[in-house]
Amino acid sequence: DRRIPDAMEETMPEIFPESSPGSFTY
């Protein structure tokens, strides 16, 4: 589920915010 991904994304900068936002994919 998204609990750990959401928590990790609080401190992880986005590398490609335009073309691939976030750091996890379903």
PDB file of all heavy atoms in Angstrom:
ATOM      1  N   ASP A   1       0.856  -1.193   0.000  1.00  0.00           N
ATOM      2  CA  ASP A   1       0.000   0.000   0.000  1.00  0.00           C
ATOM      3  C   ASP A   1       0.886   1.235   0.000  1.00  0.00           C
ATOM      4  O   ASP A   1       2.115   1.144  -0.093  1.00  0.00           O
ATOM      5  CB  ASP A   1      -0.943  -0.011   1.213  1.00  0.00           C
ATOM      6  CG  ASP A   1      -0.209  -0.156   2.533  1.00  0.00           C
ATOM      7  OD1 ASP A   1       0.791   0.577   2.732  1.00  0.00           O
ATOM      8  OD2 ASP A   1      -0.600  -1.000   3.368  1.00  0.00           O
ATOM      9  N   ARG A   2       0.294   2.409   0.115  1.00  0.00           N
ATOM     10  CA  ARG A   2       1.027   3.668  -0.019  1.00  0.00           C
ATOM     11  C   ARG A   2       1.604   4.190   1.295  1.00  0.00           C
ATOM     12  O   ARG A   2       2.232   5.251   1.301  1.00  0.00           O
ATOM     13  CB  ARG A   2       0.086   4.740  -0.592  1.00  0.00           C
ATOM     14  CG  ARG A   2      -0.182   4.667  -2.074  1.00  0.00           C
ATOM     15  CD  ARG A   2       1.002   5.065  -2.935  1.00  0.00           C
ATOM     16  NE  ARG A   2       1.659   6.289  -2.558  1.00  0.00           N
ATOM     17  CZ  ARG A   2       2.624   6.875  -3.272  1.00  0.00           C
ATOM     18  NH1 ARG A   2       3.018   6.328  -4.408  1.00  0.00           N
ATOM     19  NH2 ARG A   2       3.196   7.977  -2.868  1.00  0.00           N
ATOM     20  N   ARG A   3       1.454   3.479   2.387  1.00  0.00           N
ATOM     21  CA  ARG A   3       1.890   4.050   3.669  1.00  0.00           C
ATOM     22  C   ARG A   3       3.393   4.339   3.676  1.00  0.00           C
ATOM     23  O   ARG A   3       3.811   5.469   3.986  1.00  0.00           O
ATOM     24  CB  ARG A   3       1.518   3.108   4.817  1.00  0.00           C
ATOM     25  CG  ARG A   3       0.029   3.123   5.183  1.00  0.00           C
ATOM     26  CD  ARG A   3      -0.275   2.127   6.280  1.00  0.00           C
ATOM     27  NE  ARG A   3       0.007   0.751   5.837  1.00  0.00           N
ATOM     28  CZ  ARG A   3      -0.049  -0.302   6.632  1.00  0.00           C
ATOM     29  NH1 ARG A   3      -0.341  -0.174   7.906  1.00  0.00           N
ATOM     30  NH2 ARG A   3       0.197  -1.516   6.149  1.00  0.00           N
ATOM     31  N   ILE A   4       4.197   3.340   3.383  1.00  0.00           N
ATOM     32  CA  ILE A   4       5.648   3.561   3.384  1.00  0.00           C
ATOM     33  C   ILE A   4       6.071   4.474   2.235  1.00  0.00           C
ATOM     34  O   ILE A   4       6.858   5.417   2.449  1.00  0.00           O
ATOM     35  CB  ILE A   4       6.401   2.223   3.368  1.00  0.00           C
ATOM     36  CG1 ILE A   4       6.191   1.488   4.700  1.00  0.00           C
ATOM     37  CG2 ILE A   4       7.893   2.438   3.109  1.00  0.00           C
ATOM     38  CD1 ILE A   4       6.818   0.113   4.773  1.00  0.00           C
ATOM     39  N   PRO A   5       5.596   4.258   1.002  1.00  0.00           N
ATOM     40  CA  PRO A   5       5.941   5.208  -0.055  1.00  0.00           C
ATOM     41  C   PRO A   5       5.608   6.660   0.281  1.00  0.00           C
ATOM     42  O   PRO A   5       6.421   7.560   0.032  1.00  0.00           O
ATOM     43  CB  PRO A   5       5.118   4.701  -1.254  1.00  0.00           C
ATOM     44  CG  PRO A   5       5.031   3.227  -1.032  1.00  0.00           C
ATOM     45  CD  PRO A   5       4.879   3.082   0.459  1.00  0.00           C
ATOM     46  N   ASP A   6       4.434   6.900   0.861  1.00  0.00           N
ATOM     47  CA  ASP A   6       4.067   8.274   1.226  1.00  0.00           C
ATOM     48  C   ASP A   6       5.040   8.848   2.251  1.00  0.00           C
ATOM     49  O   ASP A   6       5.451  10.015   2.156  1.00  0.00           O
ATOM     50  CB  ASP A   6       2.647   8.313   1.787  1.00  0.00           C
ATOM     51  CG  ASP A   6       1.589   8.168   0.700  1.00  0.00           C
ATOM     52  OD1 ASP A   6       1.921   8.344  -0.481  1.00  0.00           O
ATOM     53  OD2 ASP A   6       0.427   7.860   1.047  1.00  0.00           O
ATOM     54  N   ALA A   7       5.399   8.019   3.225  1.00  0.00           N
ATOM     55  CA  ALA A   7       6.322   8.483   4.267  1.00  0.00           C
ATOM     56  C   ALA A   7       7.706   8.774   3.680  1.00  0.00           C
ATOM     57  O   ALA A   7       8.343   9.780   4.035  1.00  0.00           O
ATOM     58  CB  ALA A   7       6.425   7.431   5.374  1.00  0.00           C
ATOM     59  N   MET A   8       8.165   7.929   2.766  1.00  0.00           N
ATOM     60  CA  MET A   8       9.487   8.132   2.184  1.00  0.00           C
ATOM     61  C   MET A   8       9.516   9.345   1.268  1.00  0.00           C
ATOM     62  O   MET A   8      10.513  10.089   1.231  1.00  0.00           O
ATOM     63  CB  MET A   8       9.930   6.873   1.425  1.00  0.00           C
ATOM     64  CG  MET A   8      10.152   5.665   2.333  1.00  0.00           C
ATOM     65  SD  MET A   8      10.913   4.254   1.497  1.00  0.00           S
ATOM     66  CE  MET A   8      12.621   4.802   1.383  1.00  0.00           C
ATOM     67  N   GLU A   9       8.427   9.571   0.543  1.00  0.00           N
ATOM     68  CA  GLU A   9       8.413  10.695  -0.388  1.00  0.00           C
ATOM     69  C   GLU A   9       8.404  12.050   0.309  1.00  0.00           C
ATOM     70  O   GLU A   9       8.695  13.072  -0.319  1.00  0.00           O
ATOM     71  CB  GLU A   9       7.215  10.580  -1.339  1.00  0.00           C
ATOM     72  CG  GLU A   9       7.435   9.537  -2.429  1.00  0.00           C
ATOM     73  CD  GLU A   9       6.314   9.504  -3.444  1.00  0.00           C
ATOM     74  OE1 GLU A   9       5.225  10.055  -3.156  1.00  0.00           O
ATOM     75  OE2 GLU A   9       6.521   8.912  -4.525  1.00  0.00           O
ATOM     76  N   GLU A  10       8.127  12.060   1.604  1.00  0.00           N
ATOM     77  CA  GLU A  10       8.186  13.319   2.347  1.00  0.00           C
ATOM     78  C   GLU A  10       9.598  13.889   2.372  1.00  0.00           C
ATOM     79  O   GLU A  10       9.779  15.108   2.479  1.00  0.00           O
ATOM     80  CB  GLU A  10       7.676  13.111   3.782  1.00  0.00           C
ATOM     81  CG  GLU A  10       6.165  12.907   3.869  1.00  0.00           C
ATOM     82  CD  GLU A  10       5.703  12.770   5.311  1.00  0.00           C
ATOM     83  OE1 GLU A  10       6.532  13.001   6.229  1.00  0.00           O
ATOM     84  OE2 GLU A  10       4.526  12.425   5.529  1.00  0.00           O
ATOM     85  N   THR A  11      10.600  13.014   2.281  1.00  0.00           N
ATOM     86  CA  THR A  11      11.992  13.479   2.366  1.00  0.00           C
ATOM     87  C   THR A  11      12.798  13.202   1.107  1.00  0.00           C
ATOM     88  O   THR A  11      13.974  13.541   1.037  1.00  0.00           O
ATOM     89  CB  THR A  11      12.704  12.816   3.560  1.00  0.00           C
ATOM     90  OG1 THR A  11      12.591  11.389   3.450  1.00  0.00           O
ATOM     91  CG2 THR A  11      12.102  13.276   4.879  1.00  0.00           C
ATOM     92  N   MET A  12      12.178  12.587   0.098  1.00  0.00           N
ATOM     93  CA  MET A  12      12.890  12.258  -1.146  1.00  0.00           C
ATOM     94  C   MET A  12      12.598  13.310  -2.211  1.00  0.00           C
ATOM     95  O   MET A  12      11.448  13.513  -2.582  1.00  0.00           O
ATOM     96  CB  MET A  12      12.456  10.876  -1.669  1.00  0.00           C
ATOM     97  CG  MET A  12      12.885   9.729  -0.806  1.00  0.00           C
ATOM     98  SD  MET A  12      12.212   8.139  -1.405  1.00  0.00           S
ATOM     99  CE  MET A  12      13.147   7.946  -2.935  1.00  0.00           C
ATOM    100  N   PRO A  13      13.622  13.994  -2.723  1.00  0.00           N
ATOM    101  CA  PRO A  13      13.379  14.962  -3.804  1.00  0.00           C
ATOM    102  C   PRO A  13      13.019  14.241  -5.096  1.00  0.00           C
ATOM    103  O   PRO A  13      13.423  13.104  -5.342  1.00  0.00           O
ATOM    104  CB  PRO A  13      14.724  15.686  -3.941  1.00  0.00           C
ATOM    105  CG  PRO A  13      15.732  14.724  -3.399  1.00  0.00           C
ATOM    106  CD  PRO A  13      15.040  13.941  -2.325  1.00  0.00           C
ATOM    107  N   GLU A  14      12.229  14.900  -5.946  1.00  0.00           N
ATOM    108  CA  GLU A  14      11.847  14.321  -7.233  1.00  0.00           C
ATOM    109  C   GLU A  14      12.971  14.549  -8.243  1.00  0.00           C
ATOM    110  O   GLU A  14      13.512  15.647  -8.350  1.00  0.00           O
ATOM    111  CB  GLU A  14      10.561  14.960  -7.741  1.00  0.00           C
ATOM    112  CG  GLU A  14       9.333  14.632  -6.894  1.00  0.00           C
ATOM    113  CD  GLU A  14       8.093  15.358  -7.392  1.00  0.00           C
ATOM    114  OE1 GLU A  14       8.112  16.600  -7.395  1.00  0.00           O
ATOM    115  OE2 GLU A  14       7.126  14.678  -7.766  1.00  0.00           O
ATOM    116  N   ILE A  15      13.300  13.527  -9.012  1.00  0.00           N
ATOM    117  CA  ILE A  15      14.367  13.640 -10.002  1.00  0.00           C
ATOM    118  C   ILE A  15      13.829  14.202 -11.311  1.00  0.00           C
ATOM    119  O   ILE A  15      14.427  15.088 -11.912  1.00  0.00           O
ATOM    120  CB  ILE A  15      15.035  12.266 -10.237  1.00  0.00           C
ATOM    121  CG1 ILE A  15      15.524  11.675  -8.907  1.00  0.00           C
ATOM    122  CG2 ILE A  15      16.182  12.401 -11.226  1.00  0.00           C
ATOM    123  CD1 ILE A  15      16.475  12.552  -8.138  1.00  0.00           C
ATOM    124  N   PHE A  16      12.705  13.666 -11.775  1.00  0.00           N
ATOM    125  CA  PHE A  16      12.087  14.156 -13.013  1.00  0.00           C
ATOM    126  C   PHE A  16      10.649  14.592 -12.703  1.00  0.00           C
ATOM    127  O   PHE A  16       9.686  13.900 -13.020  1.00  0.00           O
ATOM    128  CB  PHE A  16      12.086  13.060 -14.080  1.00  0.00           C
ATOM    129  CG  PHE A  16      13.455  12.632 -14.520  1.00  0.00           C
ATOM    130  CD1 PHE A  16      13.841  11.300 -14.449  1.00  0.00           C
ATOM    131  CD2 PHE A  16      14.360  13.555 -15.003  1.00  0.00           C
ATOM    132  CE1 PHE A  16      15.101  10.901 -14.851  1.00  0.00           C
ATOM    133  CE2 PHE A  16      15.631  13.172 -15.411  1.00  0.00           C
ATOM    134  CZ  PHE A  16      16.002  11.838 -15.333  1.00  0.00           C
ATOM    135  N   PRO A  17      10.487  15.754 -12.074  1.00  0.00           N
ATOM    136  CA  PRO A  17       9.149  16.170 -11.639  1.00  0.00           C
ATOM    137  C   PRO A  17       8.171  16.394 -12.787  1.00  0.00           C
ATOM    138  O   PRO A  17       6.958  16.280 -12.590  1.00  0.00           O
ATOM    139  CB  PRO A  17       9.420  17.472 -10.882  1.00  0.00           C
ATOM    140  CG  PRO A  17      10.744  17.948 -11.387  1.00  0.00           C
ATOM    141  CD  PRO A  17      11.524  16.728 -11.702  1.00  0.00           C
ATOM    142  N   GLU A  18       8.682  16.722 -13.975  1.00  0.00           N
ATOM    143  CA  GLU A  18       7.784  16.966 -15.112  1.00  0.00           C
ATOM    144  C   GLU A  18       7.291  15.663 -15.726  1.00  0.00           C
ATOM    145  O   GLU A  18       6.089  15.445 -15.883  1.00  0.00           O
ATOM    146  CB  GLU A  18       8.512  17.786 -16.182  1.00  0.00           C
ATOM    147  CG  GLU A  18       8.801  19.220 -15.796  1.00  0.00           C
ATOM    148  CD  GLU A  18       9.568  19.925 -16.897  1.00  0.00           C
ATOM    149  OE1 GLU A  18      10.707  19.523 -17.199  1.00  0.00           O
ATOM    150  OE2 GLU A  18       9.021  20.887 -17.463  1.00  0.00           O
ATOM    151  N   SER A  19       8.241  14.783 -16.078  1.00  0.00           N
ATOM    152  CA  SER A  19       7.885  13.586 -16.836  1.00  0.00           C
ATOM    153  C   SER A  19       7.603  12.374 -15.963  1.00  0.00           C
ATOM    154  O   SER A  19       6.915  11.444 -16.393  1.00  0.00           O
ATOM    155  CB  SER A  19       9.011  13.235 -17.821  1.00  0.00           C
ATOM    156  OG  SER A  19      10.227  13.010 -17.131  1.00  0.00           O
ATOM    157  N   SER A  20       8.123  12.365 -14.735  1.00  0.00           N
ATOM    158  CA  SER A  20       7.939  11.191 -13.873  1.00  0.00           C
ATOM    159  C   SER A  20       7.879  11.623 -12.413  1.00  0.00           C
ATOM    160  O   SER A  20       8.791  11.354 -11.629  1.00  0.00           O
ATOM    161  CB  SER A  20       9.080  10.194 -14.101  1.00  0.00           C
ATOM    162  OG  SER A  20       8.791   8.946 -13.523  1.00  0.00           O
ATOM    163  N   PRO A  21       6.812  12.306 -12.016  1.00  0.00           N
ATOM    164  CA  PRO A  21       6.728  12.809 -10.638  1.00  0.00           C
ATOM    165  C   PRO A  21       6.645  11.677  -9.623  1.00  0.00           C
ATOM    166  O   PRO A  21       6.173  10.582  -9.922  1.00  0.00           O
ATOM    167  CB  PRO A  21       5.443  13.640 -10.657  1.00  0.00           C
ATOM    168  CG  PRO A  21       4.636  13.077 -11.786  1.00  0.00           C
ATOM    169  CD  PRO A  21       5.622  12.636 -12.808  1.00  0.00           C
ATOM    170  N   GLY A  22       7.116  11.973  -8.422  1.00  0.00           N
ATOM    171  CA  GLY A  22       7.085  10.968  -7.360  1.00  0.00           C
ATOM    172  C   GLY A  22       8.211   9.966  -7.499  1.00  0.00           C
ATOM    173  O   GLY A  22       8.994   9.992  -8.445  1.00  0.00           O
ATOM    174  N   SER A  23       8.289   9.041  -6.525  1.00  0.00           N
ATOM    175  CA  SER A  23       9.362   8.049  -6.501  1.00  0.00           C
ATOM    176  C   SER A  23       8.853   6.616  -6.445  1.00  0.00           C
ATOM    177  O   SER A  23       9.639   5.685  -6.230  1.00  0.00           O
ATOM    178  CB  SER A  23      10.276   8.304  -5.285  1.00  0.00           C
ATOM    179  OG  SER A  23      10.908   9.563  -5.382  1.00  0.00           O
ATOM    180  N   PHE A  24       7.547   6.427  -6.641  1.00  0.00           N
ATOM    181  CA  PHE A  24       6.962   5.081  -6.597  1.00  0.00           C
ATOM    182  C   PHE A  24       5.928   4.945  -7.717  1.00  0.00           C
ATOM    183  O   PHE A  24       5.257   5.918  -8.077  1.00  0.00           O
ATOM    184  CB  PHE A  24       6.305   4.808  -5.240  1.00  0.00           C
ATOM    185  CG  PHE A  24       7.292   4.729  -4.109  1.00  0.00           C
ATOM    186  CD1 PHE A  24       7.721   5.885  -3.468  1.00  0.00           C
ATOM    187  CD2 PHE A  24       7.803   3.505  -3.696  1.00  0.00           C
ATOM    188  CE1 PHE A  24       8.644   5.824  -2.430  1.00  0.00           C
ATOM    189  CE2 PHE A  24       8.719   3.436  -2.670  1.00  0.00           C
ATOM    190  CZ  PHE A  24       9.145   4.587  -2.026  1.00  0.00           C
ATOM    191  N   THR A  25       5.820   3.731  -8.251  1.00  0.00           N
ATOM    192  CA  THR A  25       4.887   3.450  -9.342  1.00  0.00           C
ATOM    193  C   THR A  25       4.065   2.210  -8.995  1.00  0.00           C
ATOM    194  O   THR A  25       4.623   1.201  -8.525  1.00  0.00           O
ATOM    195  CB  THR A  25       5.655   3.219 -10.660  1.00  0.00           C
ATOM    196  OG1 THR A  25       6.375   4.405 -10.992  1.00  0.00           O
ATOM    197  CG2 THR A  25       4.707   2.872 -11.792  1.00  0.00           C
ATOM    198  N   TYR A  26       2.777   2.287  -9.255  1.00  0.00           N
ATOM    199  CA  TYR A  26       1.887   1.151  -8.969  1.00  0.00           C
ATOM    200  C   TYR A  26       1.952   0.145 -10.116  1.00  0.00           C
ATOM    201  O   TYR A  26       1.851   0.502 -11.292  1.00  0.00           O
ATOM    202  CB  TYR A  26       0.452   1.640  -8.793  1.00  0.00           C
ATOM    203  CG  TYR A  26      -0.541   0.531  -8.526  1.00  0.00           C
ATOM    204  CD1 TYR A  26      -0.509  -0.183  -7.325  1.00  0.00           C
ATOM    205  CD2 TYR A  26      -1.497   0.198  -9.475  1.00  0.00           C
ATOM    206  CE1 TYR A  26      -1.422  -1.203  -7.085  1.00  0.00           C
ATOM    207  CE2 TYR A  26      -2.418  -0.815  -9.242  1.00  0.00           C
ATOM    208  CZ  TYR A  26      -2.366  -1.515  -8.039  1.00  0.00           C
ATOM    209  OH  TYR A  26      -3.258  -2.524  -7.811  1.00  0.00           O
TER     210      TYR A  26
END
